[in-house]
Amino acid sequence: MIPSYLQDLCKAQSYDANNFFLIAGPCVVENEELVMEIGDKVATLCKNLGIAYVFKASYRKANRTSANSFTGIGDDTGMELIKKVGAKYKVPTTSDIHAHDEAAIAANFIDILQIPAFLCRQTDLLLAAAATQKIVNVKKGQFLSGASMKFAVDKIRMAGNEKVMLTERGNTFGYQDLVVDYRNIPAMQENKVPVIMDCTHSLQQPNQLSGVTGGNPQLIETIAKAAIATGADGLFIETHPNPAQAKSDGANMLSLEKLAPLLEKLVRLRRAVS
């Protein structure tokens, strides 16, 4: 399901309304050249495949394993570049916010406010995001069931905002791994909201002693195929021209050159299961 409020944002695009939608981009804004390259290539690819596209990049990474990890190039610069990508390629944009006082500021630059998984129960953050009347995409906490996400949806709706999306991103399994329970997709759809599968963060291997989160990017296609077969409305895929050189989450991002063949397979799969 592509909800009407997302269709309104994607009206400049040509897409198949029966297809899944895609949220994709680099983990974090590293520089202008990078975000423009990714925005251009993914927007063109999605246009050719009839996929509604939302550009994603974090203007700041507030949740990092090590104090020495890269967090961004500055909030204002990061948000300006995200807005520039959206305007140039005529696609909506999204980024995560981390505190209630960021919501109104980010809403001036970004179309969809993303609530990080670790913060999905923060009431003041959810209410502040809802108050902007932007679409609010809440990522399910690694410590929660899909059914329990109804309370996050309720908070946003009680604040007068019906534009809600939920994202599945796996559950903690031991100390250094995640697993995906695909029952969470239909469970979250019970809230009458679109559900997105985060195909990259679900493959993280957190809490590594190196201070850098690991991952299993070779399983991105497996996660994505299963999500489409299970009925996910959208997919979230972080991508980079050279993940090994990425300044954040390189261990679980998809190489940009691999995105086209993956999406082609997923479009065919979507048609088969529709």
C-alpha atoms as a PDB file:
ATOM      1  CA  MET A   1       0.000   0.000   0.000  1.00  0.00           C
ATOM      2  CA  ILE A   2       1.307   3.402  -0.993  1.00  0.00           C
ATOM      3  CA  PRO A   3      -0.755   5.719   1.223  1.00  0.00           C
ATOM      4  CA  SER A   4      -2.358   8.810  -0.254  1.00  0.00           C
ATOM      5  CA  TYR A   5      -0.130  11.114   1.770  1.00  0.00           C
ATOM      6  CA  LEU A   6       2.981   9.523   0.255  1.00  0.00           C
ATOM      7  CA  GLN A   7       1.447   9.532  -3.221  1.00  0.00           C
ATOM      8  CA  ASP A   8       0.959  13.279  -2.828  1.00  0.00           C
ATOM      9  CA  LEU A   9       4.677  13.693  -2.167  1.00  0.00           C
ATOM     10  CA  CYS A  10       5.580  11.472  -5.131  1.00  0.00           C
ATOM     11  CA  LYS A  11       3.233  13.148  -7.629  1.00  0.00           C
ATOM     12  CA  ALA A  12       6.160  14.427  -9.716  1.00  0.00           C
ATOM     13  CA  GLN A  13       7.287  10.838 -10.283  1.00  0.00           C
ATOM     14  CA  SER A  14       6.041   8.190 -12.677  1.00  0.00           C
ATOM     15  CA  TYR A  15       5.409   4.949 -10.795  1.00  0.00           C
ATOM     16  CA  ASP A  16       3.168   1.903 -10.561  1.00  0.00           C
ATOM     17  CA  ALA A  17       0.812   2.365  -7.619  1.00  0.00           C
ATOM     18  CA  ASN A  18       0.664  -1.429  -7.203  1.00  0.00           C
ATOM     19  CA  ASN A  19       4.415  -1.612  -6.723  1.00  0.00           C
ATOM     20  CA  PHE A  20       6.325  -1.312  -3.463  1.00  0.00           C
ATOM     21  CA  PHE A  21       7.928   2.041  -2.672  1.00  0.00           C
ATOM     22  CA  LEU A  22      11.603   2.532  -1.891  1.00  0.00           C
ATOM     23  CA  ILE A  23      13.418   4.585   0.731  1.00  0.00           C
ATOM     24  CA  ALA A  24      17.109   4.593  -0.194  1.00  0.00           C
ATOM     25  CA  GLY A  25      20.299   6.570   0.067  1.00  0.00           C
ATOM     26  CA  PRO A  26      23.531   6.733   2.037  1.00  0.00           C
ATOM     27  CA  CYS A  27      23.606   6.232   5.780  1.00  0.00           C
ATOM     28  CA  VAL A  28      24.784   9.792   6.392  1.00  0.00           C
ATOM     29  CA  VAL A  29      25.467  12.958   4.405  1.00  0.00           C
ATOM     30  CA  GLU A  30      29.207  12.801   3.756  1.00  0.00           C
ATOM     31  CA  ASN A  31      29.452  15.506   1.090  1.00  0.00           C
ATOM     32  CA  GLU A  32      27.439  17.044  -1.743  1.00  0.00           C
ATOM     33  CA  GLU A  33      28.998  14.940  -4.491  1.00  0.00           C
ATOM     34  CA  LEU A  34      27.996  11.695  -2.785  1.00  0.00           C
ATOM     35  CA  VAL A  35      24.348  12.552  -2.113  1.00  0.00           C
ATOM     36  CA  MET A  36      23.877  13.944  -5.612  1.00  0.00           C
ATOM     37  CA  GLU A  37      25.389  10.858  -7.236  1.00  0.00           C
ATOM     38  CA  ILE A  38      23.208   8.486  -5.258  1.00  0.00           C
ATOM     39  CA  GLY A  39      20.078  10.625  -5.647  1.00  0.00           C
ATOM     40  CA  ASP A  40      20.562  10.799  -9.416  1.00  0.00           C
ATOM     41  CA  LYS A  41      21.209   7.099  -9.952  1.00  0.00           C
ATOM     42  CA  VAL A  42      18.467   5.804  -7.661  1.00  0.00           C
ATOM     43  CA  ALA A  43      15.855   8.282  -8.928  1.00  0.00           C
ATOM     44  CA  THR A  44      16.579   7.273 -12.535  1.00  0.00           C
ATOM     45  CA  LEU A  45      16.486   3.581 -11.682  1.00  0.00           C
ATOM     46  CA  CYS A  46      13.189   3.867  -9.821  1.00  0.00           C
ATOM     47  CA  LYS A  47      11.633   5.855 -12.664  1.00  0.00           C
ATOM     48  CA  ASN A  48      12.573   3.115 -15.126  1.00  0.00           C
ATOM     49  CA  LEU A  49      11.131   0.404 -12.847  1.00  0.00           C
ATOM     50  CA  GLY A  50       7.962   2.244 -11.805  1.00  0.00           C
ATOM     51  CA  ILE A  51       8.937   2.512  -8.141  1.00  0.00           C
ATOM     52  CA  ALA A  52       7.975   5.501  -5.993  1.00  0.00           C
ATOM     53  CA  TYR A  53      11.215   6.779  -4.473  1.00  0.00           C
ATOM     54  CA  VAL A  54      12.091   8.613  -1.250  1.00  0.00           C
ATOM     55  CA  PHE A  55      15.692   9.818  -0.824  1.00  0.00           C
ATOM     56  CA  LYS A  56      17.180   9.048   2.600  1.00  0.00           C
ATOM     57  CA  ALA A  57      20.291  10.330   4.344  1.00  0.00           C
ATOM     58  CA  SER A  58      20.953  11.191   7.974  1.00  0.00           C
ATOM     59  CA  TYR A  59      22.052  14.783   8.542  1.00  0.00           C
ATOM     60  CA  ARG A  60      23.588  13.606  11.811  1.00  0.00           C
ATOM     61  CA  LYS A  61      24.339  10.202  13.307  1.00  0.00           C
ATOM     62  CA  ALA A  62      23.560  10.535  16.999  1.00  0.00           C
ATOM     63  CA  ASN A  63      23.745   6.812  17.779  1.00  0.00           C
ATOM     64  CA  ARG A  64      27.307   5.582  17.202  1.00  0.00           C
ATOM     65  CA  THR A  65      29.229   2.829  18.925  1.00  0.00           C
ATOM     66  CA  SER A  66      32.421   4.822  19.480  1.00  0.00           C
ATOM     67  CA  ALA A  67      33.003   8.447  20.462  1.00  0.00           C
ATOM     68  CA  ASN A  68      35.494   8.581  17.582  1.00  0.00           C
ATOM     69  CA  SER A  69      32.908   7.664  14.935  1.00  0.00           C
ATOM     70  CA  PHE A  70      31.898  10.137  12.212  1.00  0.00           C
ATOM     71  CA  THR A  71      28.619  11.888  13.043  1.00  0.00           C
ATOM     72  CA  GLY A  72      28.116  14.324  10.163  1.00  0.00           C
ATOM     73  CA  ILE A  73      29.226  17.522   8.472  1.00  0.00           C
ATOM     74  CA  GLY A  74      26.947  19.779  10.534  1.00  0.00           C
ATOM     75  CA  ASP A  75      23.170  19.741  10.931  1.00  0.00           C
ATOM     76  CA  ASP A  76      22.418  22.811   8.823  1.00  0.00           C
ATOM     77  CA  THR A  77      24.686  21.763   5.967  1.00  0.00           C
ATOM     78  CA  GLY A  78      23.381  18.197   6.055  1.00  0.00           C
ATOM     79  CA  MET A  79      19.733  19.245   5.991  1.00  0.00           C
ATOM     80  CA  GLU A  80      20.358  21.764   3.204  1.00  0.00           C
ATOM     81  CA  LEU A  81      21.967  19.070   1.051  1.00  0.00           C
ATOM     82  CA  ILE A  82      19.109  16.622   1.654  1.00  0.00           C
ATOM     83  CA  LYS A  83      16.647  19.319   0.609  1.00  0.00           C
ATOM     84  CA  LYS A  84      18.764  20.072  -2.464  1.00  0.00           C
ATOM     85  CA  VAL A  85      18.651  16.425  -3.581  1.00  0.00           C
ATOM     86  CA  GLY A  86      14.868  16.367  -3.209  1.00  0.00           C
ATOM     87  CA  ALA A  87      14.427  19.551  -5.201  1.00  0.00           C
ATOM     88  CA  LYS A  88      16.830  18.568  -7.981  1.00  0.00           C
ATOM     89  CA  TYR A  89      15.413  15.090  -8.580  1.00  0.00           C
ATOM     90  CA  LYS A  90      11.827  15.891  -7.584  1.00  0.00           C
ATOM     91  CA  VAL A  91      11.610  13.213  -4.908  1.00  0.00           C
ATOM     92  CA  PRO A  92      10.523  13.414  -1.260  1.00  0.00           C
ATOM     93  CA  THR A  93      13.207  13.122   1.390  1.00  0.00           C
ATOM     94  CA  THR A  94      13.617  11.654   4.845  1.00  0.00           C
ATOM     95  CA  SER A  95      16.087  11.776   7.708  1.00  0.00           C
ATOM     96  CA  ASP A  96      16.041  10.765  11.348  1.00  0.00           C
ATOM     97  CA  ILE A  97      15.537  13.129  14.260  1.00  0.00           C
ATOM     98  CA  HIS A  98      16.799  12.454  17.755  1.00  0.00           C
ATOM     99  CA  ALA A  99      15.197  14.963  20.138  1.00  0.00           C
ATOM    100  CA  HIS A 100      11.859  16.751  20.344  1.00  0.00           C
ATOM    101  CA  ASP A 101      13.398  20.158  19.621  1.00  0.00           C
ATOM    102  CA  GLU A 102      14.792  18.892  16.292  1.00  0.00           C
ATOM    103  CA  ALA A 103      11.374  18.071  14.829  1.00  0.00           C
ATOM    104  CA  ALA A 104      10.218  21.573  13.874  1.00  0.00           C
ATOM    105  CA  ILE A 105      13.665  22.487  12.533  1.00  0.00           C
ATOM    106  CA  ALA A 106      14.027  19.362  10.403  1.00  0.00           C
ATOM    107  CA  ALA A 107      10.471  19.760   9.085  1.00  0.00           C
ATOM    108  CA  ASN A 108      11.620  22.864   7.198  1.00  0.00           C
ATOM    109  CA  PHE A 109      13.964  20.739   5.095  1.00  0.00           C
ATOM    110  CA  ILE A 110      12.642  17.162   5.123  1.00  0.00           C
ATOM    111  CA  ASP A 111       9.345  15.603   4.014  1.00  0.00           C
ATOM    112  CA  ILE A 112       9.259  12.511   6.231  1.00  0.00           C
ATOM    113  CA  LEU A 113      10.540  12.524   9.802  1.00  0.00           C
ATOM    114  CA  GLN A 114      12.104   9.222  10.795  1.00  0.00           C
ATOM    115  CA  ILE A 115      12.122   8.113  14.430  1.00  0.00           C
ATOM    116  CA  PRO A 116      15.144   5.888  15.209  1.00  0.00           C
ATOM    117  CA  ALA A 117      14.441   2.422  16.565  1.00  0.00           C
ATOM    118  CA  PHE A 118      16.034   3.043  19.959  1.00  0.00           C
ATOM    119  CA  LEU A 119      13.786   6.120  20.387  1.00  0.00           C
ATOM    120  CA  CYS A 120      10.458   4.670  19.236  1.00  0.00           C
ATOM    121  CA  ARG A 121       8.968   4.868  22.761  1.00  0.00           C
ATOM    122  CA  GLN A 122      10.030   8.477  23.423  1.00  0.00           C
ATOM    123  CA  THR A 123       6.658  10.172  23.822  1.00  0.00           C
ATOM    124  CA  ASP A 124       7.889  13.766  23.601  1.00  0.00           C
ATOM    125  CA  LEU A 125       9.775  12.953  20.396  1.00  0.00           C
ATOM    126  CA  LEU A 126       6.761  11.264  18.797  1.00  0.00           C
ATOM    127  CA  LEU A 127       4.442  14.113  19.770  1.00  0.00           C
ATOM    128  CA  ALA A 128       6.828  16.760  18.462  1.00  0.00           C
ATOM    129  CA  ALA A 129       7.164  14.907  15.156  1.00  0.00           C
ATOM    130  CA  ALA A 130       3.386  14.539  14.922  1.00  0.00           C
ATOM    131  CA  ALA A 131       2.902  18.256  15.566  1.00  0.00           C
ATOM    132  CA  THR A 132       4.782  19.139  12.376  1.00  0.00           C
ATOM    133  CA  GLN A 133       2.061  17.381  10.340  1.00  0.00           C
ATOM    134  CA  LYS A 134       4.783  15.736   8.307  1.00  0.00           C
ATOM    135  CA  ILE A 135       4.704  11.994   7.642  1.00  0.00           C
ATOM    136  CA  VAL A 136       6.238  10.214  10.634  1.00  0.00           C
ATOM    137  CA  ASN A 137       8.043   6.929   9.993  1.00  0.00           C
ATOM    138  CA  VAL A 138       8.731   5.079  13.244  1.00  0.00           C
ATOM    139  CA  LYS A 139      11.334   2.324  13.183  1.00  0.00           C
ATOM    140  CA  LYS A 140      10.410  -0.597  15.435  1.00  0.00           C
ATOM    141  CA  GLY A 141      12.753  -1.017  18.372  1.00  0.00           C
ATOM    142  CA  GLN A 142      14.994  -4.060  18.315  1.00  0.00           C
ATOM    143  CA  PHE A 143      13.518  -4.859  21.729  1.00  0.00           C
ATOM    144  CA  LEU A 144       9.829  -4.734  20.729  1.00  0.00           C
ATOM    145  CA  SER A 145       7.295  -6.956  19.013  1.00  0.00           C
ATOM    146  CA  GLY A 146       5.445  -5.727  15.952  1.00  0.00           C
ATOM    147  CA  ALA A 147       2.143  -5.780  17.843  1.00  0.00           C
ATOM    148  CA  SER A 148       3.469  -3.419  20.522  1.00  0.00           C
ATOM    149  CA  MET A 149       4.115  -0.707  17.928  1.00  0.00           C
ATOM    150  CA  LYS A 150       0.410   0.145  18.106  1.00  0.00           C
ATOM    151  CA  PHE A 151       1.240   2.389  21.040  1.00  0.00           C
ATOM    152  CA  ALA A 152       3.622   4.498  18.957  1.00  0.00           C
ATOM    153  CA  VAL A 153       0.949   4.805  16.271  1.00  0.00           C
ATOM    154  CA  ASP A 154      -1.646   5.748  18.893  1.00  0.00           C
ATOM    155  CA  LYS A 155       0.550   8.543  20.275  1.00  0.00           C
ATOM    156  CA  ILE A 156       0.976  10.133  16.856  1.00  0.00           C
ATOM    157  CA  ARG A 157      -2.686   9.814  15.978  1.00  0.00           C
ATOM    158  CA  MET A 158      -3.800  11.208  19.337  1.00  0.00           C
ATOM    159  CA  ALA A 159      -1.661  14.255  18.526  1.00  0.00           C
ATOM    160  CA  GLY A 160      -3.784  14.816  15.415  1.00  0.00           C
ATOM    161  CA  ASN A 161      -1.543  13.329  12.742  1.00  0.00           C
ATOM    162  CA  GLU A 162      -2.765  10.350  10.694  1.00  0.00           C
ATOM    163  CA  LYS A 163       0.307  10.237   8.451  1.00  0.00           C
ATOM    164  CA  VAL A 164       2.160   7.336  10.043  1.00  0.00           C
ATOM    165  CA  MET A 165       4.434   4.605   8.683  1.00  0.00           C
ATOM    166  CA  LEU A 166       6.226   1.811  10.546  1.00  0.00           C
ATOM    167  CA  THR A 167       9.527   0.138   9.725  1.00  0.00           C
ATOM    168  CA  GLU A 168      10.645  -3.373  10.675  1.00  0.00           C
ATOM    169  CA  ARG A 169      14.390  -3.649  11.338  1.00  0.00           C
ATOM    170  CA  GLY A 170      14.904  -6.910  13.166  1.00  0.00           C
ATOM    171  CA  ASN A 171      15.080  -7.957  16.806  1.00  0.00           C
ATOM    172  CA  THR A 172      18.051  -8.343  19.097  1.00  0.00           C
ATOM    173  CA  PHE A 173      19.335 -11.915  19.191  1.00  0.00           C
ATOM    174  CA  GLY A 174      21.983 -12.326  21.854  1.00  0.00           C
ATOM    175  CA  TYR A 175      24.465  -9.508  22.257  1.00  0.00           C
ATOM    176  CA  GLN A 176      25.834  -9.157  18.734  1.00  0.00           C
ATOM    177  CA  ASP A 177      23.186 -10.153  16.221  1.00  0.00           C
ATOM    178  CA  LEU A 178      19.687  -9.441  14.931  1.00  0.00           C
ATOM    179  CA  VAL A 179      17.004 -11.694  13.467  1.00  0.00           C
ATOM    180  CA  VAL A 180      13.933 -10.769  11.431  1.00  0.00           C
ATOM    181  CA  ASP A 181      10.560 -12.125  12.497  1.00  0.00           C
ATOM    182  CA  TYR A 182       8.381 -11.636   9.422  1.00  0.00           C
ATOM    183  CA  ARG A 183       5.236 -12.001  11.517  1.00  0.00           C
ATOM    184  CA  ASN A 184       5.925  -8.399  12.513  1.00  0.00           C
ATOM    185  CA  ILE A 185       4.968  -7.122   9.059  1.00  0.00           C
ATOM    186  CA  PRO A 186       1.296  -8.200   9.127  1.00  0.00           C
ATOM    187  CA  ALA A 187       1.170  -7.457  12.859  1.00  0.00           C
ATOM    188  CA  MET A 188       2.122  -3.823  12.265  1.00  0.00           C
ATOM    189  CA  GLN A 189      -0.185  -3.588   9.241  1.00  0.00           C
ATOM    190  CA  GLU A 190      -3.057  -4.258  11.648  1.00  0.00           C
ATOM    191  CA  ASN A 191      -2.702  -0.569  12.551  1.00  0.00           C
ATOM    192  CA  LYS A 192      -3.816   0.347   8.997  1.00  0.00           C
ATOM    193  CA  VAL A 193      -0.467   1.910   8.198  1.00  0.00           C
ATOM    194  CA  PRO A 194       2.120   1.023   5.544  1.00  0.00           C
ATOM    195  CA  VAL A 195       4.957  -1.154   6.783  1.00  0.00           C
ATOM    196  CA  ILE A 196       8.489  -0.890   5.451  1.00  0.00           C
ATOM    197  CA  MET A 197      11.245  -3.483   5.660  1.00  0.00           C
ATOM    198  CA  ASP A 198      14.669  -2.106   6.527  1.00  0.00           C
ATOM    199  CA  CYS A 199      16.786  -4.533   4.521  1.00  0.00           C
ATOM    200  CA  THR A 200      20.164  -3.207   5.636  1.00  0.00           C
ATOM    201  CA  HIS A 201      19.969  -2.353   9.345  1.00  0.00           C
ATOM    202  CA  SER A 202      18.282  -5.705   9.939  1.00  0.00           C
ATOM    203  CA  LEU A 203      21.611  -7.284   9.058  1.00  0.00           C
ATOM    204  CA  GLN A 204      23.695  -5.325  11.531  1.00  0.00           C
ATOM    205  CA  GLN A 205      25.970  -7.055  14.014  1.00  0.00           C
ATOM    206  CA  PRO A 206      26.116  -4.505  16.841  1.00  0.00           C
ATOM    207  CA  ASN A 207      28.285  -4.269  19.955  1.00  0.00           C
ATOM    208  CA  GLN A 208      31.534  -5.320  18.311  1.00  0.00           C
ATOM    209  CA  LEU A 209      34.645  -4.856  20.436  1.00  0.00           C
ATOM    210  CA  SER A 210      36.252  -2.989  17.538  1.00  0.00           C
ATOM    211  CA  GLY A 211      33.833  -0.126  18.178  1.00  0.00           C
ATOM    212  CA  VAL A 212      32.416  -0.449  14.641  1.00  0.00           C
ATOM    213  CA  THR A 213      29.106  -2.203  13.958  1.00  0.00           C
ATOM    214  CA  GLY A 214      29.419  -5.205  11.663  1.00  0.00           C
ATOM    215  CA  GLY A 215      26.942  -6.629   9.177  1.00  0.00           C
ATOM    216  CA  ASN A 216      25.971  -9.259   6.604  1.00  0.00           C
ATOM    217  CA  PRO A 217      25.269  -7.322   3.375  1.00  0.00           C
ATOM    218  CA  GLN A 218      25.358 -10.544   1.344  1.00  0.00           C
ATOM    219  CA  LEU A 219      21.913 -11.301   2.818  1.00  0.00           C
ATOM    220  CA  ILE A 220      20.241  -8.035   1.752  1.00  0.00           C
ATOM    221  CA  GLU A 221      18.617  -9.742  -1.233  1.00  0.00           C
ATOM    222  CA  THR A 222      17.308 -12.551   0.984  1.00  0.00           C
ATOM    223  CA  ILE A 223      15.783 -10.105   3.461  1.00  0.00           C
ATOM    224  CA  ALA A 224      14.236  -8.019   0.673  1.00  0.00           C
ATOM    225  CA  LYS A 225      12.724 -10.989  -1.174  1.00  0.00           C
ATOM    226  CA  ALA A 226      11.191 -12.369   1.993  1.00  0.00           C
ATOM    227  CA  ALA A 227       9.755  -8.949   2.832  1.00  0.00           C
ATOM    228  CA  ILE A 228       8.077  -8.596  -0.555  1.00  0.00           C
ATOM    229  CA  ALA A 229       6.721 -12.135  -0.313  1.00  0.00           C
ATOM    230  CA  THR A 230       5.371 -11.347   3.155  1.00  0.00           C
ATOM    231  CA  GLY A 231       3.536  -8.272   1.895  1.00  0.00           C
ATOM    232  CA  ALA A 232       5.733  -5.347   2.928  1.00  0.00           C
ATOM    233  CA  ASP A 233       4.515  -2.076   1.445  1.00  0.00           C
ATOM    234  CA  GLY A 234       7.942  -0.500   1.109  1.00  0.00           C
ATOM    235  CA  LEU A 235      11.643  -1.256   1.367  1.00  0.00           C
ATOM    236  CA  PHE A 236      14.416   0.696   3.073  1.00  0.00           C
ATOM    237  CA  ILE A 237      17.893   0.124   1.631  1.00  0.00           C
ATOM    238  CA  GLU A 238      21.002   2.102   2.455  1.00  0.00           C
ATOM    239  CA  THR A 239      23.381   2.208  -0.501  1.00  0.00           C
ATOM    240  CA  HIS A 240      26.783   3.678  -1.300  1.00  0.00           C
ATOM    241  CA  PRO A 241      29.116   3.647  -4.338  1.00  0.00           C
ATOM    242  CA  ASN A 242      31.869   2.197  -2.144  1.00  0.00           C
ATOM    243  CA  PRO A 243      30.562   0.792   1.151  1.00  0.00           C
ATOM    244  CA  ALA A 244      34.081  -0.056   2.309  1.00  0.00           C
ATOM    245  CA  GLN A 245      34.871   3.671   2.276  1.00  0.00           C
ATOM    246  CA  ALA A 246      31.550   4.813   3.794  1.00  0.00           C
ATOM    247  CA  LYS A 247      31.838   6.897   6.955  1.00  0.00           C
ATOM    248  CA  SER A 248      28.922   5.126   8.658  1.00  0.00           C
ATOM    249  CA  ASP A 249      27.345   1.654   8.444  1.00  0.00           C
ATOM    250  CA  GLY A 250      29.504   0.554   5.536  1.00  0.00           C
ATOM    251  CA  ALA A 251      29.464  -3.017   6.849  1.00  0.00           C
ATOM    252  CA  ASN A 252      25.777  -3.470   6.068  1.00  0.00           C
ATOM    253  CA  MET A 253      25.142  -1.140   3.104  1.00  0.00           C
ATOM    254  CA  LEU A 254      24.431  -2.323  -0.427  1.00  0.00           C
ATOM    255  CA  SER A 255      26.885  -1.383  -3.134  1.00  0.00           C
ATOM    256  CA  LEU A 256      25.163   1.088  -5.469  1.00  0.00           C
ATOM    257  CA  GLU A 257      26.029  -0.994  -8.517  1.00  0.00           C
ATOM    258  CA  LYS A 258      24.064  -3.933  -7.082  1.00  0.00           C
ATOM    259  CA  LEU A 259      20.850  -1.990  -6.554  1.00  0.00           C
ATOM    260  CA  ALA A 260      19.519  -2.210 -10.128  1.00  0.00           C
ATOM    261  CA  PRO A 261      19.602  -6.027 -10.483  1.00  0.00           C
ATOM    262  CA  LEU A 262      18.131  -6.400  -7.006  1.00  0.00           C
ATOM    263  CA  LEU A 263      15.213  -4.063  -7.684  1.00  0.00           C
ATOM    264  CA  GLU A 264      14.519  -5.746 -11.011  1.00  0.00           C
ATOM    265  CA  LYS A 265      14.118  -9.084  -9.235  1.00  0.00           C
ATOM    266  CA  LEU A 266      11.947  -7.547  -6.542  1.00  0.00           C
ATOM    267  CA  VAL A 267       9.605  -5.906  -9.048  1.00  0.00           C
ATOM    268  CA  ARG A 268       9.071  -9.278 -10.724  1.00  0.00           C
ATOM    269  CA  LEU A 269       8.490 -10.900  -7.349  1.00  0.00           C
ATOM    270  CA  ARG A 270       5.973  -8.231  -6.377  1.00  0.00           C
ATOM    271  CA  ARG A 271       3.963  -8.913  -9.528  1.00  0.00           C
ATOM    272  CA  ALA A 272       4.039 -12.637  -8.829  1.00  0.00           C
ATOM    273  CA  VAL A 273       2.717 -12.350  -5.289  1.00  0.00           C
ATOM    274  CA  SER A 274       0.177  -9.558  -5.889  1.00  0.00           C
END
